Amino acid sequence: MNVLSEGAPPMPPGQSKVELCAALRRDAREGMSNRALERKSRVGWRTVQKALSSAWPQPREPYAPRRSKLDPFKQVIDRMLMADLDAPRKQRHTVVRICRRLINEHAMDDVS
């Protein structure tokens, strides 16, 4: 028999984090242990600790912006596109053509 299938059914799938935190705090006030709260709600101990420490869940921290591999070539690409403004429509650079020129003329080999 599965340990998770014993006890109360899991929280509804459409439940928000705020509702989950409120349910965890309510059950904790009624005397449930942290381990019982984890099993009932099918969450980890960190989630239980966070729910019991604060009335509102903490917002996710955004990822730090990471550098693009195209950063060293942005000025070259901008110059190509600025030159294309005066060119006829059929002679303008496509993405594939810009990529090929960067590979051939500027030794860009680690970007596809």
Protein backbone atom coordinates (compact mmCIF):
# COMPACT_ATOMS: atom_id res chain seq x y z
CA MET A 1 0.00 0.00 0.00
CA ASN A 2 1.27 3.45 -0.90
CA VAL A 3 2.06 5.73 2.03
CA LEU A 4 0.69 8.75 0.16
CA SER A 5 -2.66 7.07 -0.41
CA GLU A 6 -3.32 6.71 3.33
CA GLY A 7 -5.04 9.46 5.27
CA ALA A 8 -6.90 12.41 3.83
CA PRO A 9 -7.11 13.02 0.08
CA PRO A 10 -4.65 15.54 -1.38
CA MET A 11 -5.47 19.19 -1.81
CA PRO A 12 -7.56 19.97 -4.89
CA PRO A 13 -5.44 20.60 -8.01
CA GLY A 14 -6.90 24.07 -8.61
CA GLN A 15 -6.05 25.32 -5.15
CA SER A 16 -3.88 28.40 -4.89
CA LYS A 17 -0.82 28.73 -2.68
CA VAL A 18 -2.68 31.16 -0.43
CA GLU A 19 -5.44 28.59 0.13
CA LEU A 20 -2.85 25.86 0.74
CA CYS A 21 -1.04 28.01 3.32
CA ALA A 22 -4.33 28.82 5.05
CA ALA A 23 -5.26 25.12 5.19
CA LEU A 24 -1.84 24.21 6.60
CA ARG A 25 -2.08 26.89 9.29
CA ARG A 26 -5.64 25.86 10.18
CA ASP A 27 -4.66 22.20 10.53
CA ALA A 28 -1.60 23.17 12.60
CA ARG A 29 -3.79 25.18 14.99
CA GLU A 30 -5.96 22.08 15.42
CA GLY A 31 -2.89 20.20 16.65
CA MET A 32 -1.61 18.31 13.61
CA SER A 33 2.11 17.65 13.58
CA ASN A 34 4.29 18.99 10.78
CA ARG A 35 4.83 15.48 9.46
CA ALA A 36 1.05 14.90 9.33
CA LEU A 37 0.62 18.22 7.52
CA GLU A 38 3.20 17.14 4.93
CA ARG A 39 1.44 13.85 4.32
CA LYS A 40 -2.06 15.30 4.20
CA SER A 41 -1.19 18.10 1.79
CA ARG A 42 1.49 16.17 -0.11
CA VAL A 43 4.02 18.97 0.25
CA GLY A 44 7.56 19.08 1.60
CA TRP A 45 8.70 20.22 5.02
CA ARG A 46 10.00 23.52 3.63
CA THR A 47 6.52 24.37 2.33
CA VAL A 48 5.01 23.59 5.73
CA GLN A 49 7.63 25.73 7.50
CA LYS A 50 7.06 28.66 5.13
CA ALA A 51 3.28 28.39 5.49
CA LEU A 52 3.47 28.39 9.29
CA SER A 53 5.94 31.28 9.45
CA SER A 54 4.05 33.74 7.23
CA ALA A 55 0.43 34.43 6.35
CA TRP A 56 1.30 35.05 2.71
CA PRO A 57 3.55 32.86 0.55
CA GLN A 58 6.81 34.44 -0.54
CA PRO A 59 6.87 35.49 -4.21
CA ARG A 60 9.34 33.69 -6.41
CA GLU A 61 12.63 35.42 -6.88
CA PRO A 62 13.33 36.26 -10.52
CA TYR A 63 16.30 34.64 -12.19
CA ALA A 64 19.34 36.80 -12.67
CA PRO A 65 19.65 37.96 -16.28
CA ARG A 66 22.25 36.00 -18.12
CA ARG A 67 24.46 37.13 -20.93
CA SER A 68 23.72 36.18 -24.48
CA LYS A 69 26.30 34.58 -26.73
CA LEU A 70 25.36 37.20 -29.31
CA ASP A 71 26.42 40.11 -27.07
CA PRO A 72 29.87 40.50 -28.71
CA PHE A 73 28.23 40.56 -32.16
CA LYS A 74 25.31 42.93 -31.51
CA GLN A 75 27.02 45.97 -33.00
CA VAL A 76 27.92 44.03 -36.15
CA ILE A 77 24.34 42.80 -36.52
CA ASP A 78 22.99 46.32 -35.97
CA ARG A 79 25.27 47.67 -38.71
CA MET A 80 24.04 44.97 -41.12
CA LEU A 81 20.41 45.79 -40.39
CA MET A 82 20.98 49.55 -40.66
CA ALA A 83 22.56 49.01 -44.10
CA ASP A 84 19.54 46.91 -45.08
CA LEU A 85 17.19 49.86 -44.55
CA ASP A 86 18.41 51.39 -47.83
CA ALA A 87 18.60 48.10 -49.76
CA PRO A 88 15.76 46.75 -51.91
CA ARG A 89 13.49 44.27 -50.15
CA LYS A 90 14.84 41.20 -51.96
CA GLN A 91 18.44 42.06 -51.07
CA ARG A 92 17.98 42.42 -47.32
CA HIS A 93 19.57 40.04 -44.83
CA THR A 94 17.62 37.10 -43.48
CA VAL A 95 18.41 35.51 -40.13
CA VAL A 96 20.15 32.64 -41.89
CA ARG A 97 22.26 35.03 -43.96
CA ILE A 98 23.25 37.06 -40.88
CA CYS A 99 24.25 33.86 -39.09
CA ARG A 100 26.35 32.69 -42.05
CA ARG A 101 28.10 36.06 -42.33
CA LEU A 102 28.90 36.04 -38.62
CA ILE A 103 30.36 32.55 -38.91
CA ASN A 104 32.39 33.33 -42.04
CA GLU A 105 33.51 36.88 -41.35
CA HIS A 106 33.71 37.08 -37.56
CA ALA A 107 34.54 33.50 -36.46
CA MET A 108 31.34 33.03 -34.50
CA ASP A 109 31.40 29.24 -34.09
CA ASP A 110 29.59 28.45 -30.82
CA VAL A 111 26.18 29.88 -31.78
CA SER A 112 23.72 28.15 -34.04
